[in-house]
Amino acid sequence: MTDRHPLRHAEALLLVAIGGLVGANARYLLSLALPGLGGTFLANVTGSALLGFVLYEATGTGLLAAETRLVVATGFLSSYTTYSTFALETIQATPLLGLTNVLASYALGFGAVYVGGYAAGLLEER
């Protein structure tokens, strides 16, 4: 099969779809448990940590299969984390809460990527 054949990427598309289904449902359940800014904030920070772990793990240890990274990073995390809801809820908040949300989301999001990468590095040392 050539790279242009429609079935060449069928497995990857299916893996992304499965991850997306699980991620979207996890995000929905989180929004029921913690509605509004709090749920979105938690989803984005925990998603950043997991993405940091998966991507740093991929370059460091390689313990996770490429298919696993595809399901988790591209599928699950793409539907679990949400920039559009973050933007909307920030605009709808009071100016002070909106500014706090932006600053905290970016600071903790970047920090979470670092923590995830650090955790992946601990696996590399084993």
PDB file of N, CA and C in Angstrom:
ATOM      1  N   MET A   1       0.833  -1.184   0.000  1.00  0.00           N
ATOM      2  CA  MET A   1       0.000   0.000   0.000  1.00  0.00           C
ATOM      3  C   MET A   1       0.879   1.249   0.000  1.00  0.00           C
ATOM      4  N   THR A   2       0.498   2.202  -0.784  1.00  0.00           N
ATOM      5  CA  THR A   2       1.242   3.459  -0.819  1.00  0.00           C
ATOM      6  C   THR A   2       0.740   4.383   0.286  1.00  0.00           C
ATOM      7  N   ASP A   3       1.519   5.438   0.551  1.00  0.00           N
ATOM      8  CA  ASP A   3       1.107   6.419   1.562  1.00  0.00           C
ATOM      9  C   ASP A   3      -0.186   7.119   1.183  1.00  0.00           C
ATOM     10  N   ARG A   4      -0.514   7.136  -0.099  1.00  0.00           N
ATOM     11  CA  ARG A   4      -1.723   7.821  -0.554  1.00  0.00           C
ATOM     12  C   ARG A   4      -2.958   6.926  -0.498  1.00  0.00           C
ATOM     13  N   HIS A   5      -2.780   5.656  -0.289  1.00  0.00           N
ATOM     14  CA  HIS A   5      -3.926   4.747  -0.229  1.00  0.00           C
ATOM     15  C   HIS A   5      -4.769   5.080   1.000  1.00  0.00           C
ATOM     16  N   PRO A   6      -6.115   5.164   0.844  1.00  0.00           N
ATOM     17  CA  PRO A   6      -6.983   5.571   1.965  1.00  0.00           C
ATOM     18  C   PRO A   6      -6.876   4.678   3.199  1.00  0.00           C
ATOM     19  N   LEU A   7      -6.598   3.404   3.002  1.00  0.00           N
ATOM     20  CA  LEU A   7      -6.533   2.496   4.152  1.00  0.00           C
ATOM     21  C   LEU A   7      -5.183   2.529   4.861  1.00  0.00           C
ATOM     22  N   ARG A   8      -4.216   3.198   4.283  1.00  0.00           N
ATOM     23  CA  ARG A   8      -2.871   3.256   4.866  1.00  0.00           C
ATOM     24  C   ARG A   8      -2.893   3.844   6.271  1.00  0.00           C
ATOM     25  N   HIS A   9      -3.767   4.802   6.479  1.00  0.00           N
ATOM     26  CA  HIS A   9      -3.818   5.489   7.765  1.00  0.00           C
ATOM     27  C   HIS A   9      -5.050   5.106   8.581  1.00  0.00           C
ATOM     28  N   ALA A  10      -5.729   4.042   8.186  1.00  0.00           N
ATOM     29  CA  ALA A  10      -6.960   3.635   8.873  1.00  0.00           C
ATOM     30  C   ALA A  10      -6.702   3.292  10.339  1.00  0.00           C
ATOM     31  N   GLU A  11      -5.620   2.584  10.627  1.00  0.00           N
ATOM     32  CA  GLU A  11      -5.323   2.223  12.015  1.00  0.00           C
ATOM     33  C   GLU A  11      -5.095   3.471  12.865  1.00  0.00           C
ATOM     34  N   ALA A  12      -4.323   4.414  12.343  1.00  0.00           N
ATOM     35  CA  ALA A  12      -4.062   5.651  13.089  1.00  0.00           C
ATOM     36  C   ALA A  12      -5.355   6.421  13.321  1.00  0.00           C
ATOM     37  N   LEU A  13      -6.203   6.506  12.308  1.00  0.00           N
ATOM     38  CA  LEU A  13      -7.479   7.210  12.454  1.00  0.00           C
ATOM     39  C   LEU A  13      -8.360   6.544  13.501  1.00  0.00           C
ATOM     40  N   LEU A  14      -8.374   5.229  13.509  1.00  0.00           N
ATOM     41  CA  LEU A  14      -9.168   4.500  14.499  1.00  0.00           C
ATOM     42  C   LEU A  14      -8.622   4.724  15.910  1.00  0.00           C
ATOM     43  N   LEU A  15      -7.313   4.702  16.065  1.00  0.00           N
ATOM     44  CA  LEU A  15      -6.706   4.931  17.379  1.00  0.00           C
ATOM     45  C   LEU A  15      -7.002   6.340  17.889  1.00  0.00           C
ATOM     46  N   VAL A  16      -6.913   7.328  17.011  1.00  0.00           N
ATOM     47  CA  VAL A  16      -7.231   8.706  17.399  1.00  0.00           C
ATOM     48  C   VAL A  16      -8.706   8.809  17.781  1.00  0.00           C
ATOM     49  N   ALA A  17      -9.572   8.153  17.018  1.00  0.00           N
ATOM     50  CA  ALA A  17     -11.012   8.189  17.312  1.00  0.00           C
ATOM     51  C   ALA A  17     -11.325   7.556  18.663  1.00  0.00           C
ATOM     52  N   ILE A  18     -10.690   6.444  18.973  1.00  0.00           N
ATOM     53  CA  ILE A  18     -10.911   5.787  20.271  1.00  0.00           C
ATOM     54  C   ILE A  18     -10.442   6.699  21.405  1.00  0.00           C
ATOM     55  N   GLY A  19      -9.259   7.250  21.269  1.00  0.00           N
ATOM     56  CA  GLY A  19      -8.762   8.179  22.283  1.00  0.00           C
ATOM     57  C   GLY A  19      -9.658   9.390  22.420  1.00  0.00           C
ATOM     58  N   GLY A  20     -10.128   9.915  21.298  1.00  0.00           N
ATOM     59  CA  GLY A  20     -11.020  11.069  21.314  1.00  0.00           C
ATOM     60  C   GLY A  20     -12.334  10.776  22.007  1.00  0.00           C
ATOM     61  N   LEU A  21     -12.875   9.604  21.776  1.00  0.00           N
ATOM     62  CA  LEU A  21     -14.122   9.199  22.428  1.00  0.00           C
ATOM     63  C   LEU A  21     -13.952   9.156  23.945  1.00  0.00           C
ATOM     64  N   VAL A  22     -12.886   8.552  24.393  1.00  0.00           N
ATOM     65  CA  VAL A  22     -12.633   8.447  25.832  1.00  0.00           C
ATOM     66  C   VAL A  22     -12.335   9.824  26.427  1.00  0.00           C
ATOM     67  N   GLY A  23     -11.531  10.619  25.739  1.00  0.00           N
ATOM     68  CA  GLY A  23     -11.188  11.956  26.229  1.00  0.00           C
ATOM     69  C   GLY A  23     -12.393  12.866  26.327  1.00  0.00           C
ATOM     70  N   ALA A  24     -13.258  12.829  25.326  1.00  0.00           N
ATOM     71  CA  ALA A  24     -14.460  13.672  25.341  1.00  0.00           C
ATOM     72  C   ALA A  24     -15.381  13.281  26.489  1.00  0.00           C
ATOM     73  N   ASN A  25     -15.514  11.993  26.723  1.00  0.00           N
ATOM     74  CA  ASN A  25     -16.359  11.548  27.834  1.00  0.00           C
ATOM     75  C   ASN A  25     -15.743  11.882  29.183  1.00  0.00           C
ATOM     76  N   ALA A  26     -14.430  11.771  29.292  1.00  0.00           N
ATOM     77  CA  ALA A  26     -13.756  12.152  30.539  1.00  0.00           C
ATOM     78  C   ALA A  26     -13.950  13.640  30.808  1.00  0.00           C
ATOM     79  N   ARG A  27     -13.856  14.446  29.768  1.00  0.00           N
ATOM     80  CA  ARG A  27     -14.050  15.897  29.904  1.00  0.00           C
ATOM     81  C   ARG A  27     -15.481  16.213  30.312  1.00  0.00           C
ATOM     82  N   TYR A  28     -16.437  15.509  29.729  1.00  0.00           N
ATOM     83  CA  TYR A  28     -17.844  15.714  30.069  1.00  0.00           C
ATOM     84  C   TYR A  28     -18.093  15.362  31.540  1.00  0.00           C
ATOM     85  N   LEU A  29     -17.584  14.227  31.976  1.00  0.00           N
ATOM     86  CA  LEU A  29     -17.770  13.815  33.374  1.00  0.00           C
ATOM     87  C   LEU A  29     -17.103  14.802  34.327  1.00  0.00           C
ATOM     88  N   LEU A  30     -15.940  15.305  33.949  1.00  0.00           N
ATOM     89  CA  LEU A  30     -15.264  16.308  34.773  1.00  0.00           C
ATOM     90  C   LEU A  30     -16.100  17.583  34.858  1.00  0.00           C
ATOM     91  N   SER A  31     -16.723  17.973  33.748  1.00  0.00           N
ATOM     92  CA  SER A  31     -17.547  19.187  33.761  1.00  0.00           C
ATOM     93  C   SER A  31     -18.796  19.011  34.617  1.00  0.00           C
ATOM     94  N   LEU A  32     -19.271  17.782  34.753  1.00  0.00           N
ATOM     95  CA  LEU A  32     -20.399  17.532  35.658  1.00  0.00           C
ATOM     96  C   LEU A  32     -19.947  17.629  37.114  1.00  0.00           C
ATOM     97  N   ALA A  33     -18.777  17.090  37.394  1.00  0.00           N
ATOM     98  CA  ALA A  33     -18.256  17.098  38.763  1.00  0.00           C
ATOM     99  C   ALA A  33     -17.771  18.483  39.181  1.00  0.00           C
ATOM    100  N   LEU A  34     -17.221  19.221  38.243  1.00  0.00           N
ATOM    101  CA  LEU A  34     -16.644  20.531  38.540  1.00  0.00           C
ATOM    102  C   LEU A  34     -16.975  21.486  37.387  1.00  0.00           C
ATOM    103  N   PRO A  35     -18.185  22.057  37.391  1.00  0.00           N
ATOM    104  CA  PRO A  35     -18.601  22.903  36.271  1.00  0.00           C
ATOM    105  C   PRO A  35     -17.860  24.242  36.220  1.00  0.00           C
ATOM    106  N   GLY A  36     -17.847  24.839  35.049  1.00  0.00           N
ATOM    107  CA  GLY A  36     -17.299  26.181  34.885  1.00  0.00           C
ATOM    108  C   GLY A  36     -15.788  26.223  34.797  1.00  0.00           C
ATOM    109  N   LEU A  37     -15.248  27.362  35.221  1.00  0.00           N
ATOM    110  CA  LEU A  37     -13.805  27.610  35.131  1.00  0.00           C
ATOM    111  C   LEU A  37     -12.966  26.531  35.814  1.00  0.00           C
ATOM    112  N   GLY A  38     -13.424  26.046  36.949  1.00  0.00           N
ATOM    113  CA  GLY A  38     -12.641  25.059  37.696  1.00  0.00           C
ATOM    114  C   GLY A  38     -12.414  23.781  36.917  1.00  0.00           C
ATOM    115  N   GLY A  39     -13.459  23.272  36.285  1.00  0.00           N
ATOM    116  CA  GLY A  39     -13.333  22.046  35.503  1.00  0.00           C
ATOM    117  C   GLY A  39     -12.444  22.227  34.285  1.00  0.00           C
ATOM    118  N   THR A  40     -12.614  23.342  33.608  1.00  0.00           N
ATOM    119  CA  THR A  40     -11.789  23.632  32.433  1.00  0.00           C
ATOM    120  C   THR A  40     -10.328  23.789  32.838  1.00  0.00           C
ATOM    121  N   PHE A  41     -10.100  24.505  33.923  1.00  0.00           N
ATOM    122  CA  PHE A  41      -8.749  24.711  34.439  1.00  0.00           C
ATOM    123  C   PHE A  41      -8.099  23.367  34.781  1.00  0.00           C
ATOM    124  N   LEU A  42      -8.824  22.520  35.506  1.00  0.00           N
ATOM    125  CA  LEU A  42      -8.289  21.216  35.897  1.00  0.00           C
ATOM    126  C   LEU A  42      -8.006  20.342  34.675  1.00  0.00           C
ATOM    127  N   ALA A  43      -8.907  20.348  33.705  1.00  0.00           N
ATOM    128  CA  ALA A  43      -8.696  19.554  32.492  1.00  0.00           C
ATOM    129  C   ALA A  43      -7.447  20.017  31.749  1.00  0.00           C
ATOM    130  N   ASN A  44      -7.284  21.317  31.618  1.00  0.00           N
ATOM    131  CA  ASN A  44      -6.143  21.831  30.863  1.00  0.00           C
ATOM    132  C   ASN A  44      -4.813  21.615  31.579  1.00  0.00           C
ATOM    133  N   VAL A  45      -4.795  21.754  32.886  1.00  0.00           N
ATOM    134  CA  VAL A  45      -3.537  21.552  33.629  1.00  0.00           C
ATOM    135  C   VAL A  45      -3.168  20.067  33.685  1.00  0.00           C
ATOM    136  N   THR A  46      -4.129  19.203  33.997  1.00  0.00           N
ATOM    137  CA  THR A  46      -3.819  17.767  34.037  1.00  0.00           C
ATOM    138  C   THR A  46      -3.494  17.246  32.639  1.00  0.00           C
ATOM    139  N   GLY A  47      -4.184  17.775  31.633  1.00  0.00           N
ATOM    140  CA  GLY A  47      -3.876  17.388  30.257  1.00  0.00           C
ATOM    141  C   GLY A  47      -2.478  17.814  29.851  1.00  0.00           C
ATOM    142  N   SER A  48      -2.059  18.992  30.285  1.00  0.00           N
ATOM    143  CA  SER A  48      -0.699  19.465  29.998  1.00  0.00           C
ATOM    144  C   SER A  48       0.338  18.564  30.648  1.00  0.00           C
ATOM    145  N   ALA A  49       0.081  18.154  31.877  1.00  0.00           N
ATOM    146  CA  ALA A  49       1.016  17.260  32.571  1.00  0.00           C
ATOM    147  C   ALA A  49       1.123  15.921  31.845  1.00  0.00           C
ATOM    148  N   LEU A  50      -0.013  15.377  31.452  1.00  0.00           N
ATOM    149  CA  LEU A  50       0.007  14.090  30.758  1.00  0.00           C
ATOM    150  C   LEU A  50       0.678  14.214  29.389  1.00  0.00           C
ATOM    151  N   LEU A  51       0.418  15.300  28.685  1.00  0.00           N
ATOM    152  CA  LEU A  51       1.066  15.505  27.391  1.00  0.00           C
ATOM    153  C   LEU A  51       2.579  15.645  27.560  1.00  0.00           C
ATOM    154  N   GLY A  52       3.001  16.389  28.573  1.00  0.00           N
ATOM    155  CA  GLY A  52       4.430  16.501  28.849  1.00  0.00           C
ATOM    156  C   GLY A  52       5.049  15.145  29.119  1.00  0.00           C
ATOM    157  N   PHE A  53       4.355  14.329  29.905  1.00  0.00           N
ATOM    158  CA  PHE A  53       4.858  12.994  30.213  1.00  0.00           C
ATOM    159  C   PHE A  53       4.980  12.157  28.944  1.00  0.00           C
ATOM    160  N   VAL A  54       3.914  12.112  28.163  1.00  0.00           N
ATOM    161  CA  VAL A  54       3.890  11.257  26.972  1.00  0.00           C
ATOM    162  C   VAL A  54       4.942  11.697  25.956  1.00  0.00           C
ATOM    163  N   LEU A  55       5.055  12.983  25.715  1.00  0.00           N
ATOM    164  CA  LEU A  55       5.995  13.440  24.690  1.00  0.00           C
ATOM    165  C   LEU A  55       7.448  13.352  25.141  1.00  0.00           C
ATOM    166  N   TYR A  56       7.727  13.661  26.395  1.00  0.00           N
ATOM    167  CA  TYR A  56       9.099  13.503  26.889  1.00  0.00           C
ATOM    168  C   TYR A  56       9.460  12.030  27.009  1.00  0.00           C
ATOM    169  N   GLU A  57       8.493  11.219  27.368  1.00  0.00           N
ATOM    170  CA  GLU A  57       8.731   9.778  27.450  1.00  0.00           C
ATOM    171  C   GLU A  57       9.088   9.235  26.076  1.00  0.00           C
ATOM    172  N   ALA A  58       8.420   9.737  25.063  1.00  0.00           N
ATOM    173  CA  ALA A  58       8.667   9.271  23.698  1.00  0.00           C
ATOM    174  C   ALA A  58      10.103   9.544  23.269  1.00  0.00           C
ATOM    175  N   THR A  59      10.640  10.685  23.665  1.00  0.00           N
ATOM    176  CA  THR A  59      12.004  11.018  23.267  1.00  0.00           C
ATOM    177  C   THR A  59      13.044  10.431  24.213  1.00  0.00           C
ATOM    178  N   GLY A  60      12.655  10.131  25.452  1.00  0.00           N
ATOM    179  CA  GLY A  60      13.619   9.647  26.435  1.00  0.00           C
ATOM    180  C   GLY A  60      13.696   8.144  26.542  1.00  0.00           C
ATOM    181  N   THR A  61      12.596   7.522  26.930  1.00  0.00           N
ATOM    182  CA  THR A  61      12.642   6.090  27.212  1.00  0.00           C
ATOM    183  C   THR A  61      12.092   5.233  26.095  1.00  0.00           C
ATOM    184  N   GLY A  62      11.084   5.722  25.424  1.00  0.00           N
ATOM    185  CA  GLY A  62      10.472   4.932  24.361  1.00  0.00           C
ATOM    186  C   GLY A  62       9.718   3.719  24.867  1.00  0.00           C
ATOM    187  N   LEU A  63       9.324   3.723  26.148  1.00  0.00           N
ATOM    188  CA  LEU A  63       8.587   2.587  26.699  1.00  0.00           C
ATOM    189  C   LEU A  63       7.177   2.473  26.118  1.00  0.00           C
ATOM    190  N   LEU A  64       6.576   3.611  25.814  1.00  0.00           N
ATOM    191  CA  LEU A  64       5.236   3.592  25.236  1.00  0.00           C
ATOM    192  C   LEU A  64       5.331   3.394  23.730  1.00  0.00           C
ATOM    193  N   ALA A  65       4.493   2.537  23.215  1.00  0.00           N
ATOM    194  CA  ALA A  65       4.459   2.306  21.773  1.00  0.00           C
ATOM    195  C   ALA A  65       3.945   3.552  21.061  1.00  0.00           C
ATOM    196  N   ALA A  66       4.327   3.706  19.821  1.00  0.00           N
ATOM    197  CA  ALA A  66       3.863   4.844  19.021  1.00  0.00           C
ATOM    198  C   ALA A  66       2.340   4.880  18.972  1.00  0.00           C
ATOM    199  N   GLU A  67       1.716   3.718  18.909  1.00  0.00           N
ATOM    200  CA  GLU A  67       0.253   3.650  18.881  1.00  0.00           C
ATOM    201  C   GLU A  67      -0.347   4.166  20.180  1.00  0.00           C
ATOM    202  N   THR A  68       0.295   3.876  21.299  1.00  0.00           N
ATOM    203  CA  THR A  68      -0.185   4.365  22.595  1.00  0.00           C
ATOM    204  C   THR A  68      -0.082   5.880  22.651  1.00  0.00           C
ATOM    205  N   ARG A  69       1.016   6.407  22.185  1.00  0.00           N
ATOM    206  CA  ARG A  69       1.173   7.866  22.158  1.00  0.00           C
ATOM    207  C   ARG A  69       0.127   8.512  21.259  1.00  0.00           C
ATOM    208  N   LEU A  70      -0.206   7.861  20.161  1.00  0.00           N
ATOM    209  CA  LEU A  70      -1.220   8.382  19.247  1.00  0.00           C
ATOM    210  C   LEU A  70      -2.592   8.416  19.921  1.00  0.00           C
ATOM    211  N   VAL A  71      -2.946   7.339  20.609  1.00  0.00           N
ATOM    212  CA  VAL A  71      -4.233   7.285  21.317  1.00  0.00           C
ATOM    213  C   VAL A  71      -4.285   8.349  22.403  1.00  0.00           C
ATOM    214  N   VAL A  72      -3.224   8.452  23.201  1.00  0.00           N
ATOM    215  CA  VAL A  72      -3.234   9.353  24.357  1.00  0.00           C
ATOM    216  C   VAL A  72      -3.048  10.813  23.940  1.00  0.00           C
ATOM    217  N   ALA A  73      -1.985  11.119  23.219  1.00  0.00           N
ATOM    218  CA  ALA A  73      -1.662  12.520  22.913  1.00  0.00           C
ATOM    219  C   ALA A  73      -2.598  13.126  21.873  1.00  0.00           C
ATOM    220  N   THR A  74      -2.771  12.449  20.757  1.00  0.00           N
ATOM    221  CA  THR A  74      -3.584  13.018  19.684  1.00  0.00           C
ATOM    222  C   THR A  74      -5.069  12.778  19.909  1.00  0.00           C
ATOM    223  N   GLY A  75      -5.436  11.602  20.371  1.00  0.00           N
ATOM    224  CA  GLY A  75      -6.848  11.293  20.572  1.00  0.00           C
ATOM    225  C   GLY A  75      -7.407  11.811  21.881  1.00  0.00           C
ATOM    226  N   PHE A  76      -6.989  11.204  22.985  1.00  0.00           N
ATOM    227  CA  PHE A  76      -7.550  11.518  24.301  1.00  0.00           C
ATOM    228  C   PHE A  76      -7.351  12.981  24.683  1.00  0.00           C
ATOM    229  N   LEU A  77      -6.112  13.439  24.662  1.00  0.00           N
ATOM    230  CA  LEU A  77      -5.822  14.785  25.161  1.00  0.00           C
ATOM    231  C   LEU A  77      -6.384  15.892  24.273  1.00  0.00           C
ATOM    232  N   SER A  78      -6.515  15.623  22.982  1.00  0.00           N
ATOM    233  CA  SER A  78      -7.096  16.638  22.096  1.00  0.00           C
ATOM    234  C   SER A  78      -8.561  16.894  22.401  1.00  0.00           C
ATOM    235  N   SER A  79      -9.263  15.882  22.893  1.00  0.00           N
ATOM    236  CA  SER A  79     -10.673  16.095  23.227  1.00  0.00           C
ATOM    237  C   SER A  79     -10.882  16.355  24.717  1.00  0.00           C
ATOM    238  N   TYR A  80      -9.924  16.001  25.535  1.00  0.00           N
ATOM    239  CA  TYR A  80     -10.030  16.225  26.982  1.00  0.00           C
ATOM    240  C   TYR A  80      -9.717  17.674  27.342  1.00  0.00           C
ATOM    241  N   THR A  81      -8.651  18.205  26.780  1.00  0.00           N
ATOM    242  CA  THR A  81      -8.305  19.607  27.043  1.00  0.00           C
ATOM    243  C   THR A  81      -9.109  20.493  26.102  1.00  0.00           C
ATOM    244  N   THR A  82      -9.275  21.748  26.487  1.00  0.00           N
ATOM    245  CA  THR A  82     -10.154  22.596  25.684  1.00  0.00           C
ATOM    246  C   THR A  82      -9.750  24.057  25.740  1.00  0.00           C
ATOM    247  N   TYR A  83      -9.203  24.536  24.648  1.00  0.00           N
ATOM    248  CA  TYR A  83      -8.835  25.948  24.593  1.00  0.00           C
ATOM    249  C   TYR A  83     -10.060  26.820  24.356  1.00  0.00           C
ATOM    250  N   SER A  84     -10.976  26.366  23.519  1.00  0.00           N
ATOM    251  CA  SER A  84     -12.141  27.197  23.189  1.00  0.00           C
ATOM    252  C   SER A  84     -13.008  27.467  24.412  1.00  0.00           C
ATOM    253  N   THR A  85     -13.224  26.462  25.249  1.00  0.00           N
ATOM    254  CA  THR A  85     -14.009  26.669  26.466  1.00  0.00           C
ATOM    255  C   THR A  85     -13.251  27.573  27.431  1.00  0.00           C
ATOM    256  N   PHE A  86     -11.945  27.384  27.526  1.00  0.00           N
ATOM    257  CA  PHE A  86     -11.104  28.256  28.349  1.00  0.00           C
ATOM    258  C   PHE A  86     -11.283  29.715  27.921  1.00  0.00           C
ATOM    259  N   ALA A  87     -11.220  29.972  26.621  1.00  0.00           N
ATOM    260  CA  ALA A  87     -11.354  31.345  26.117  1.00  0.00           C
ATOM    261  C   ALA A  87     -12.739  31.909  26.411  1.00  0.00           C
ATOM    262  N   LEU A  88     -13.776  31.134  26.159  1.00  0.00           N
ATOM    263  CA  LEU A  88     -15.142  31.600  26.386  1.00  0.00           C
ATOM    264  C   LEU A  88     -15.396  31.886  27.864  1.00  0.00           C
ATOM    265  N   GLU A  89     -15.030  30.957  28.729  1.00  0.00           N
ATOM    266  CA  GLU A  89     -15.268  31.151  30.163  1.00  0.00           C
ATOM    267  C   GLU A  89     -14.451  32.318  30.715  1.00  0.00           C
ATOM    268  N   THR A  90     -13.279  32.530  30.165  1.00  0.00           N
ATOM    269  CA  THR A  90     -12.452  33.654  30.604  1.00  0.00           C
ATOM    270  C   THR A  90     -13.108  34.979  30.225  1.00  0.00           C
ATOM    271  N   ILE A  91     -13.628  35.063  29.018  1.00  0.00           N
ATOM    272  CA  ILE A  91     -14.305  36.282  28.560  1.00  0.00           C
ATOM    273  C   ILE A  91     -15.572  36.538  29.375  1.00  0.00           C
ATOM    274  N   GLN A  92     -16.268  35.482  29.767  1.00  0.00           N
ATOM    275  CA  GLN A  92     -17.521  35.625  30.515  1.00  0.00           C
ATOM    276  C   GLN A  92     -17.300  35.942  31.993  1.00  0.00           C
ATOM    277  N   ALA A  93     -16.100  35.733  32.485  1.00  0.00           N
ATOM    278  CA  ALA A  93     -15.803  35.972  33.902  1.00  0.00           C
ATOM    279  C   ALA A  93     -15.628  37.470  34.157  1.00  0.00           C
ATOM    280  N   THR A  94     -15.601  37.828  35.429  1.00  0.00           N
ATOM    281  CA  THR A  94     -15.279  39.214  35.775  1.00  0.00           C
ATOM    282  C   THR A  94     -13.851  39.498  35.309  1.00  0.00           C
ATOM    283  N   PRO A  95     -13.505  40.752  35.084  1.00  0.00           N
ATOM    284  CA  PRO A  95     -12.145  41.052  34.601  1.00  0.00           C
ATOM    285  C   PRO A  95     -11.036  40.484  35.494  1.00  0.00           C
ATOM    286  N   LEU A  96     -11.182  40.603  36.799  1.00  0.00           N
ATOM    287  CA  LEU A  96     -10.147  40.094  37.697  1.00  0.00           C
ATOM    288  C   LEU A  96     -10.061  38.568  37.638  1.00  0.00           C
ATOM    289  N   LEU A  97     -11.205  37.896  37.666  1.00  0.00           N
ATOM    290  CA  LEU A  97     -11.209  36.435  37.593  1.00  0.00           C
ATOM    291  C   LEU A  97     -10.690  35.973  36.231  1.00  0.00           C
ATOM    292  N   GLY A  98     -11.062  36.671  35.175  1.00  0.00           N
ATOM    293  CA  GLY A  98     -10.579  36.318  33.844  1.00  0.00           C
ATOM    294  C   GLY A  98      -9.071  36.434  33.733  1.00  0.00           C
ATOM    295  N   LEU A  99      -8.528  37.533  34.227  1.00  0.00           N
ATOM    296  CA  LEU A  99      -7.079  37.729  34.201  1.00  0.00           C
ATOM    297  C   LEU A  99      -6.374  36.672  35.046  1.00  0.00           C
ATOM    298  N   THR A 100      -6.919  36.407  36.221  1.00  0.00           N
ATOM    299  CA  THR A 100      -6.348  35.376  37.093  1.00  0.00           C
ATOM    300  C   THR A 100      -6.372  34.016  36.403  1.00  0.00           C
ATOM    301  N   ASN A 101      -7.471  33.714  35.725  1.00  0.00           N
ATOM    302  CA  ASN A 101      -7.601  32.442  35.014  1.00  0.00           C
ATOM    303  C   ASN A 101      -6.551  32.314  33.913  1.00  0.00           C
ATOM    304  N   VAL A 102      -6.350  33.367  33.147  1.00  0.00           N
ATOM    305  CA  VAL A 102      -5.352  33.331  32.074  1.00  0.00           C
ATOM    306  C   VAL A 102      -3.954  33.122  32.647  1.00  0.00           C
ATOM    307  N   LEU A 103      -3.591  33.920  33.639  1.00  0.00           N
ATOM    308  CA  LEU A 103      -2.250  33.817  34.220  1.00  0.00           C
ATOM    309  C   LEU A 103      -2.021  32.457  34.869  1.00  0.00           C
ATOM    310  N   ALA A 104      -2.995  32.001  35.647  1.00  0.00           N
ATOM    311  CA  ALA A 104      -2.848  30.710  36.325  1.00  0.00           C
ATOM    312  C   ALA A 104      -2.837  29.555  35.329  1.00  0.00           C
ATOM    313  N   SER A 105      -3.685  29.626  34.318  1.00  0.00           N
ATOM    314  CA  SER A 105      -3.750  28.541  33.328  1.00  0.00           C
ATOM    315  C   SER A 105      -2.438  28.398  32.572  1.00  0.00           C
ATOM    316  N   TYR A 106      -1.889  29.518  32.141  1.00  0.00           N
ATOM    317  CA  TYR A 106      -0.626  29.432  31.407  1.00  0.00           C
ATOM    318  C   TYR A 106       0.535  29.051  32.322  1.00  0.00           C
ATOM    319  N   ALA A 107       0.610  29.639  33.484  1.00  0.00           N
ATOM    320  CA  ALA A 107       1.709  29.317  34.404  1.00  0.00           C
ATOM    321  C   ALA A 107       1.664  27.847  34.816  1.00  0.00           C
ATOM    322  N   LEU A 108       0.501  27.402  35.253  1.00  0.00           N
ATOM    323  CA  LEU A 108       0.399  26.014  35.700  1.00  0.00           C
ATOM    324  C   LEU A 108       0.413  25.037  34.531  1.00  0.00           C
ATOM    325  N   GLY A 109      -0.093  25.451  33.374  1.00  0.00           N
ATOM    326  CA  GLY A 109      -0.041  24.588  32.193  1.00  0.00           C
ATOM    327  C   GLY A 109       1.389  24.307  31.769  1.00  0.00           C
ATOM    328  N   PHE A 110       2.198  25.367  31.666  1.00  0.00           N
ATOM    329  CA  PHE A 110       3.604  25.175  31.315  1.00  0.00           C
ATOM    330  C   PHE A 110       4.338  24.412  32.418  1.00  0.00           C
ATOM    331  N   GLY A 111       4.029  24.744  33.663  1.00  0.00           N
ATOM    332  CA  GLY A 111       4.634  24.017  34.778  1.00  0.00           C
ATOM    333  C   GLY A 111       4.269  22.545  34.758  1.00  0.00           C
ATOM    334  N   ALA A 112       3.031  22.249  34.405  1.00  0.00           N
ATOM    335  CA  ALA A 112       2.575  20.858  34.355  1.00  0.00           C
ATOM    336  C   ALA A 112       3.288  20.083  33.251  1.00  0.00           C
ATOM    337  N   VAL A 113       3.533  20.720  32.112  1.00  0.00           N
ATOM    338  CA  VAL A 113       4.303  20.061  31.050  1.00  0.00           C
ATOM    339  C   VAL A 113       5.694  19.713  31.576  1.00  0.00           C
ATOM    340  N   TYR A 114       6.295  20.639  32.299  1.00  0.00           N
ATOM    341  CA  TYR A 114       7.616  20.395  32.880  1.00  0.00           C
ATOM    342  C   TYR A 114       7.569  19.227  33.868  1.00  0.00           C
ATOM    343  N   VAL A 115       6.565  19.222  34.749  1.00  0.00           N
ATOM    344  CA  VAL A 115       6.434  18.140  35.738  1.00  0.00           C
ATOM    345  C   VAL A 115       6.225  16.802  35.034  1.00  0.00           C
ATOM    346  N   GLY A 116       5.389  16.791  33.999  1.00  0.00           N
ATOM    347  CA  GLY A 116       5.185  15.561  33.234  1.00  0.00           C
ATOM    348  C   GLY A 116       6.470  15.078  32.593  1.00  0.00           C
ATOM    349  N   GLY A 117       7.231  16.009  32.030  1.00  0.00           N
ATOM    350  CA  GLY A 117       8.513  15.653  31.440  1.00  0.00           C
ATOM    351  C   GLY A 117       9.504  15.152  32.474  1.00  0.00           C
ATOM    352  N   TYR A 118       9.491  15.781  33.639  1.00  0.00           N
ATOM    353  CA  TYR A 118      10.367  15.352  34.731  1.00  0.00           C
ATOM    354  C   TYR A 118      10.012  13.927  35.166  1.00  0.00           C
ATOM    355  N   ALA A 119       8.716  13.655  35.291  1.00  0.00           N
ATOM    356  CA  ALA A 119       8.270  12.309  35.673  1.00  0.00           C
ATOM    357  C   ALA A 119       8.702  11.281  34.628  1.00  0.00           C
ATOM    358  N   ALA A 120       8.626  11.645  33.363  1.00  0.00           N
ATOM    359  CA  ALA A 120       9.085  10.740  32.308  1.00  0.00           C
ATOM    360  C   ALA A 120      10.585  10.508  32.420  1.00  0.00           C
ATOM    361  N   GLY A 121      11.325  11.549  32.793  1.00  0.00           N
ATOM    362  CA  GLY A 121      12.768  11.416  32.975  1.00  0.00           C
ATOM    363  C   GLY A 121      13.126  10.452  34.090  1.00  0.00           C
ATOM    364  N   LEU A 122      12.277  10.388  35.110  1.00  0.00           N
ATOM    365  CA  LEU A 122      12.514   9.435  36.197  1.00  0.00           C
ATOM    366  C   LEU A 122      12.434   8.001  35.686  1.00  0.00           C
ATOM    367  N   LEU A 123      11.572   7.761  34.711  1.00  0.00           N
ATOM    368  CA  LEU A 123      11.491   6.427  34.108  1.00  0.00           C
ATOM    369  C   LEU A 123      12.765   6.093  33.352  1.00  0.00           C
ATOM    370  N   GLU A 124      13.338   7.102  32.710  1.00  0.00           N
ATOM    371  CA  GLU A 124      14.549   6.904  31.925  1.00  0.00           C
ATOM    372  C   GLU A 124      15.712   6.469  32.813  1.00  0.00           C
ATOM    373  N   GLU A 125      15.721   6.953  34.051  1.00  0.00           N
ATOM    374  CA  GLU A 125      16.806   6.624  34.975  1.00  0.00           C
ATOM    375  C   GLU A 125      16.734   5.185  35.463  1.00  0.00           C
ATOM    376  N   ARG A 126      15.601   4.561  35.332  1.00  0.00           N
ATOM    377  CA  ARG A 126      15.432   3.179  35.829  1.00  0.00           C
ATOM    378  C   ARG A 126      16.091   2.187  34.958  1.00  0.00           C
TER     379      ARG A 126
END
